[in-house]
Amino acid sequence: MAKVENDLDIYYAVGNANTQRQESEISVIINKRNSAGWKLISTSTAIVDNKNNFSNLYLFWEKG
């Protein structure tokens, strides 16, 4: 049976979540993981602080 690994990246965002800089940073994370053989299996977001527009993006990975 193959060994399966799981991992998690957390991307912290402040302010407008649709800025070009944030999109570029997330793209770098995804490209690095993909080139290392990881497969993105799920994403999730959470609003941490409504007043300051602070949120988290969770990227769940699998490798096996």
C-alpha atoms as a PDB file:
ATOM      1  CA  MET A   1       0.000   0.000   0.000  1.00  0.00           C
ATOM      2  CA  ALA A   2       1.325   3.466  -0.926  1.00  0.00           C
ATOM      3  CA  LYS A   3       2.193   5.937   1.806  1.00  0.00           C
ATOM      4  CA  VAL A   4       0.139   9.141   1.544  1.00  0.00           C
ATOM      5  CA  GLU A   5       1.309  12.417   3.063  1.00  0.00           C
ATOM      6  CA  ASN A   6      -0.882  15.413   3.841  1.00  0.00           C
ATOM      7  CA  ASP A   7       0.151  18.989   4.513  1.00  0.00           C
ATOM      8  CA  LEU A   8      -1.362  22.441   4.958  1.00  0.00           C
ATOM      9  CA  ASP A   9      -0.375  25.962   3.925  1.00  0.00           C
ATOM     10  CA  ILE A  10      -2.010  28.963   5.550  1.00  0.00           C
ATOM     11  CA  TYR A  11      -1.989  32.233   3.616  1.00  0.00           C
ATOM     12  CA  TYR A  12      -2.791  35.314   5.697  1.00  0.00           C
ATOM     13  CA  ALA A  13      -4.444  38.222   3.904  1.00  0.00           C
ATOM     14  CA  VAL A  14      -5.117  41.743   5.114  1.00  0.00           C
ATOM     15  CA  GLY A  15      -7.363  44.154   3.261  1.00  0.00           C
ATOM     16  CA  ASN A  16      -8.715  43.535  -0.209  1.00  0.00           C
ATOM     17  CA  ALA A  17      -8.330  39.784  -0.870  1.00  0.00           C
ATOM     18  CA  ASN A  18      -8.309  40.260  -4.658  1.00  0.00           C
ATOM     19  CA  THR A  19      -5.139  42.261  -5.128  1.00  0.00           C
ATOM     20  CA  GLN A  20      -2.651  41.320  -7.829  1.00  0.00           C
ATOM     21  CA  ARG A  21       0.111  40.949  -5.218  1.00  0.00           C
ATOM     22  CA  GLN A  22      -1.880  38.405  -3.210  1.00  0.00           C
ATOM     23  CA  GLU A  23      -2.839  36.481  -6.341  1.00  0.00           C
ATOM     24  CA  SER A  24       0.846  36.343  -7.336  1.00  0.00           C
ATOM     25  CA  GLU A  25       1.920  35.136  -3.881  1.00  0.00           C
ATOM     26  CA  ILE A  26      -0.700  32.367  -3.875  1.00  0.00           C
ATOM     27  CA  SER A  27       0.345  31.356  -7.390  1.00  0.00           C
ATOM     28  CA  VAL A  28       3.963  30.993  -6.209  1.00  0.00           C
ATOM     29  CA  ILE A  29       2.857  28.730  -3.340  1.00  0.00           C
ATOM     30  CA  ILE A  30       0.815  26.533  -5.686  1.00  0.00           C
ATOM     31  CA  ASN A  31       3.567  26.304  -8.315  1.00  0.00           C
ATOM     32  CA  LYS A  32       6.215  25.346  -5.715  1.00  0.00           C
ATOM     33  CA  ARG A  33       3.979  22.651  -4.241  1.00  0.00           C
ATOM     34  CA  ASN A  34       3.013  21.252  -7.653  1.00  0.00           C
ATOM     35  CA  SER A  35       6.640  21.063  -8.764  1.00  0.00           C
ATOM     36  CA  ALA A  36       7.450  19.124  -5.571  1.00  0.00           C
ATOM     37  CA  GLY A  37       4.768  16.536  -6.403  1.00  0.00           C
ATOM     38  CA  TRP A  38       1.977  17.802  -4.150  1.00  0.00           C
ATOM     39  CA  LYS A  39      -1.656  17.832  -5.309  1.00  0.00           C
ATOM     40  CA  LEU A  40      -4.057  20.518  -4.066  1.00  0.00           C
ATOM     41  CA  ILE A  41      -7.061  18.644  -2.685  1.00  0.00           C
ATOM     42  CA  SER A  42      -9.056  21.359  -0.929  1.00  0.00           C
ATOM     43  CA  THR A  43      -9.164  25.031  -0.016  1.00  0.00           C
ATOM     44  CA  SER A  44     -11.015  26.898   2.681  1.00  0.00           C
ATOM     45  CA  THR A  45     -11.220  30.516   3.816  1.00  0.00           C
ATOM     46  CA  ALA A  46     -11.969  32.058   7.180  1.00  0.00           C
ATOM     47  CA  ILE A  47     -12.664  35.664   8.122  1.00  0.00           C
ATOM     48  CA  VAL A  48     -10.584  36.272  11.236  1.00  0.00           C
ATOM     49  CA  ASP A  49     -11.283  39.964  11.829  1.00  0.00           C
ATOM     50  CA  ASN A  50     -14.133  41.749  10.013  1.00  0.00           C
ATOM     51  CA  LYS A  51     -13.121  45.205  11.243  1.00  0.00           C
ATOM     52  CA  ASN A  52      -9.636  45.015   9.686  1.00  0.00           C
ATOM     53  CA  ASN A  53     -10.538  42.718   6.751  1.00  0.00           C
ATOM     54  CA  PHE A  54      -8.139  40.025   7.963  1.00  0.00           C
ATOM     55  CA  SER A  55      -8.686  36.549   6.537  1.00  0.00           C
ATOM     56  CA  ASN A  56      -6.938  33.210   6.119  1.00  0.00           C
ATOM     57  CA  LEU A  57      -6.768  30.960   3.072  1.00  0.00           C
ATOM     58  CA  TYR A  58      -6.101  27.305   3.891  1.00  0.00           C
ATOM     59  CA  LEU A  59      -4.581  25.102   1.166  1.00  0.00           C
ATOM     60  CA  PHE A  60      -4.749  21.351   1.847  1.00  0.00           C
ATOM     61  CA  TRP A  61      -2.247  19.142   0.008  1.00  0.00           C
ATOM     62  CA  GLU A  62      -1.738  15.442  -0.614  1.00  0.00           C
ATOM     63  CA  LYS A  63       1.318  13.565  -1.856  1.00  0.00           C
ATOM     64  CA  GLY A  64       1.477   9.866  -2.342  1.00  0.00           C
END
